[in-house]
Amino acid sequence: MKILDINDPFLQHPTHKFDFDNPPMDPEELYAQLKETMIKNNGIGLSANQVGLPYSVFVMGNPADPEHVVGCFNPKVISTEEEWYVEEGCLSAPGLFIKVKRPKIVRARYTVQTGVTDTIRIDGMTARVYLHEYDHLQGITFKQRANRYHLEQGQKQKIKLDKLRKKRAL
C-alpha cells in the first residue's frame, strides 16, 4: 500500500466508522495489509487514511515483533492523564521529527479485526502511538499538534538531515 504525504488533503478529513455488520472490506485483510505496510516501512503505527482508506482503523506495535501488532478498529479515548513532550515522527512525513505534548496515560476502547471490543489502560510510548494514530483518524496531523517553536525546530532539522543524506548519496 502507498503511504500518503502529510500534506495530502485526504488526511485532513475525519474517517468513517468501520461497520462490522456490513464491512466495506474484510477486517482481517485490512488489518493484514496495514500491518504489512507499517512493518515494511519500519513504522510503529499506521492509520487506514494514511493509505487512502476512509475507515476508522489503525495498527500499532513493534515492527520487529509482528505477532503483537494490534489492530484498532473504531478506537475511542475514554480518559487521559498527565502530559509530556516527546519527539514524534510519522510515516507520512519521512525524516520530520517534532516534539509534541500529549497525555502520558490513556484509557482506550477499540475493536480488533475479529470483532471483539476491549477497554485498556496504556501508558508511555504506546499511549503516544495510540493518540498519534487516533488523531489521524480525526483528520489531525502531528504538525497541527505541535507548538510553533517545536514545529520550526523539526523542520529546520529535517532540512539539515536531508542535505546531509543527499551529500552522502553522491
Protein backbone atom coordinates (compact mmCIF):
# COMPACT_ATOMS: atom_id res chain seq x y z
CA MET A 1 0.00 0.00 0.00
CA LYS A 2 1.23 3.50 -0.81
CA ILE A 3 1.51 5.93 2.11
CA LEU A 4 0.12 9.42 1.51
CA ASP A 5 2.21 12.54 2.10
CA ILE A 6 1.46 14.51 5.28
CA ASN A 7 0.15 17.42 3.16
CA ASP A 8 -2.34 15.29 1.21
CA PRO A 9 -5.84 16.81 1.65
CA PHE A 10 -7.27 13.32 2.28
CA LEU A 11 -5.53 13.31 5.69
CA GLN A 12 -7.42 16.46 6.72
CA HIS A 13 -10.81 14.72 6.82
CA PRO A 14 -12.17 12.55 9.63
CA THR A 15 -12.62 8.88 8.79
CA HIS A 16 -15.83 6.80 8.84
CA LYS A 17 -16.68 4.20 11.44
CA PHE A 18 -15.84 0.67 10.28
CA ASP A 19 -19.13 -1.22 10.05
CA PHE A 20 -18.62 -4.81 11.19
CA ASP A 21 -22.27 -5.65 10.34
CA ASN A 22 -21.80 -4.57 6.73
CA PRO A 23 -18.00 -4.41 6.29
CA PRO A 24 -16.69 -2.36 3.34
CA MET A 25 -13.86 -4.92 3.17
CA ASP A 26 -12.72 -7.96 5.14
CA PRO A 27 -11.46 -6.63 8.51
CA GLU A 28 -8.82 -9.38 8.78
CA GLU A 29 -7.49 -8.47 5.33
CA LEU A 30 -7.48 -4.74 6.15
CA TYR A 31 -5.56 -5.46 9.37
CA ALA A 32 -3.06 -7.66 7.49
CA GLN A 33 -2.45 -5.05 4.78
CA LEU A 34 -1.99 -2.19 7.25
CA LYS A 35 0.33 -4.31 9.41
CA GLU A 36 2.41 -5.37 6.40
CA THR A 37 2.72 -1.77 5.18
CA MET A 38 3.66 -0.49 8.65
CA ILE A 39 6.33 -3.19 9.08
CA LYS A 40 7.72 -2.75 5.55
CA ASN A 41 8.17 0.97 6.29
CA ASN A 42 9.62 0.32 9.77
CA GLY A 43 6.85 2.25 11.50
CA ILE A 44 5.25 1.76 14.91
CA GLY A 45 1.78 2.86 13.80
CA LEU A 46 -0.23 3.36 10.62
CA SER A 47 -3.80 4.55 10.10
CA ALA A 48 -6.07 3.48 7.26
CA ASN A 49 -6.42 7.01 5.93
CA GLN A 50 -2.63 7.24 5.55
CA VAL A 51 -3.00 4.68 2.75
CA GLY A 52 -6.10 6.30 1.25
CA LEU A 53 -8.81 4.28 3.01
CA PRO A 54 -11.53 6.32 4.80
CA TYR A 55 -12.07 3.88 7.69
CA SER A 56 -11.56 4.45 11.40
CA VAL A 57 -8.82 1.85 11.76
CA PHE A 58 -5.13 1.80 12.65
CA VAL A 59 -2.42 -0.67 13.58
CA MET A 60 0.34 -0.16 16.13
CA GLY A 61 3.23 -2.14 17.52
CA ASN A 62 6.88 -3.03 17.20
CA PRO A 63 7.74 -3.83 13.56
CA ALA A 64 10.33 -6.35 14.85
CA ASP A 65 7.56 -8.24 16.67
CA PRO A 66 4.80 -8.68 14.04
CA GLU A 67 2.83 -11.20 16.13
CA HIS A 68 1.99 -8.47 18.65
CA VAL A 69 0.93 -5.68 16.26
CA VAL A 70 -2.55 -4.60 17.36
CA GLY A 71 -5.38 -3.62 15.05
CA CYS A 72 -7.63 -0.87 16.45
CA PHE A 73 -11.00 -0.53 14.73
CA ASN A 74 -13.26 2.38 15.74
CA PRO A 75 -10.94 3.49 18.56
CA LYS A 76 -12.07 5.81 21.32
CA VAL A 77 -10.26 7.77 24.02
CA ILE A 78 -12.12 7.32 27.31
CA SER A 79 -9.82 9.37 29.54
CA THR A 80 -6.27 10.73 29.74
CA GLU A 81 -3.81 11.66 32.50
CA GLU A 82 -0.56 13.64 32.75
CA GLU A 83 1.13 15.24 29.77
CA TRP A 84 4.66 15.16 28.44
CA TYR A 85 6.70 16.30 25.47
CA VAL A 86 8.31 13.63 23.32
CA GLU A 87 9.65 13.76 19.78
CA GLU A 88 7.38 12.08 17.22
CA GLY A 89 7.78 11.01 13.64
CA CYS A 90 5.23 9.94 11.05
CA LEU A 91 5.34 7.59 8.05
CA SER A 92 3.55 10.32 6.06
CA ALA A 93 6.40 12.76 6.85
CA PRO A 94 9.68 10.81 6.49
CA GLY A 95 12.60 12.47 8.24
CA LEU A 96 10.47 15.00 10.16
CA PHE A 97 10.61 14.70 13.95
CA ILE A 98 8.71 17.14 16.16
CA LYS A 99 8.29 17.42 19.92
CA VAL A 100 4.58 17.10 20.70
CA LYS A 101 2.82 17.39 24.05
CA ARG A 102 0.41 14.52 24.64
CA PRO A 103 -1.14 12.65 27.55
CA LYS A 104 1.13 10.02 29.06
CA ILE A 105 -1.70 7.71 30.19
CA VAL A 106 -4.79 6.80 28.16
CA ARG A 107 -7.82 4.71 28.86
CA ALA A 108 -8.77 3.46 25.39
CA ARG A 109 -11.51 1.36 23.80
CA TYR A 110 -11.29 -0.28 20.40
CA THR A 111 -12.40 -3.35 18.48
CA VAL A 112 -9.90 -5.80 16.99
CA GLN A 113 -10.20 -7.28 13.50
CA THR A 114 -12.14 -10.32 14.83
CA GLY A 115 -14.90 -8.04 16.16
CA VAL A 116 -14.00 -8.25 19.87
CA THR A 117 -14.07 -4.92 21.76
CA ASP A 118 -11.69 -4.18 24.61
CA THR A 119 -11.06 -1.32 27.01
CA ILE A 120 -7.48 -0.98 28.24
CA ARG A 121 -5.18 1.40 30.08
CA ILE A 122 -2.00 2.21 28.17
CA ASP A 123 0.89 4.49 29.00
CA GLY A 124 4.19 5.85 27.76
CA MET A 125 5.08 5.39 24.11
CA THR A 126 2.18 3.00 23.50
CA ALA A 127 -0.25 5.72 24.60
CA ARG A 128 1.58 8.23 22.39
CA VAL A 129 1.33 5.99 19.33
CA TYR A 130 -2.36 5.32 20.02
CA LEU A 131 -3.07 9.07 20.27
CA HIS A 132 -0.97 9.91 17.18
CA GLU A 133 -2.88 7.38 15.07
CA TYR A 134 -6.21 8.32 16.68
CA ASP A 135 -5.54 11.93 15.63
CA HIS A 136 -5.01 10.79 12.02
CA LEU A 137 -8.50 9.28 12.09
CA GLN A 138 -9.88 12.65 13.24
CA GLY A 139 -8.13 14.46 10.36
CA ILE A 140 -5.40 15.89 12.62
CA THR A 141 -1.65 15.53 11.97
CA PHE A 142 1.20 15.78 14.46
CA LYS A 143 2.25 19.02 12.76
CA GLN A 144 -1.05 20.54 13.92
CA ARG A 145 -0.49 19.29 17.49
CA ALA A 146 2.98 20.85 17.75
CA ASN A 147 3.56 24.34 19.01
CA ARG A 148 5.13 26.77 16.54
CA TYR A 149 8.61 26.62 18.09
CA HIS A 150 8.84 22.82 18.03
CA LEU A 151 7.42 22.64 14.51
CA GLU A 152 10.02 25.12 13.22
CA GLN A 153 12.83 23.26 15.04
CA GLY A 154 11.73 19.96 13.49
CA GLN A 155 11.51 21.46 10.01
CA LYS A 156 14.99 23.05 10.30
CA GLN A 157 16.44 19.74 11.49
CA LYS A 158 14.82 17.89 8.57
CA ILE A 159 16.37 20.33 6.08
CA LYS A 160 19.82 19.77 7.61
CA LEU A 161 19.41 15.99 7.60
CA ASP A 162 18.08 15.96 4.02
CA LYS A 163 21.17 17.93 2.86
CA LEU A 164 23.45 15.53 4.74
CA ARG A 165 21.71 12.47 3.22
CA LYS A 166 21.95 13.99 -0.26
CA LYS A 167 25.66 14.69 0.20
CA ARG A 168 26.29 11.12 1.37
CA ALA A 169 24.35 9.68 -1.57
CA LEU A 170 26.65 11.43 -4.09
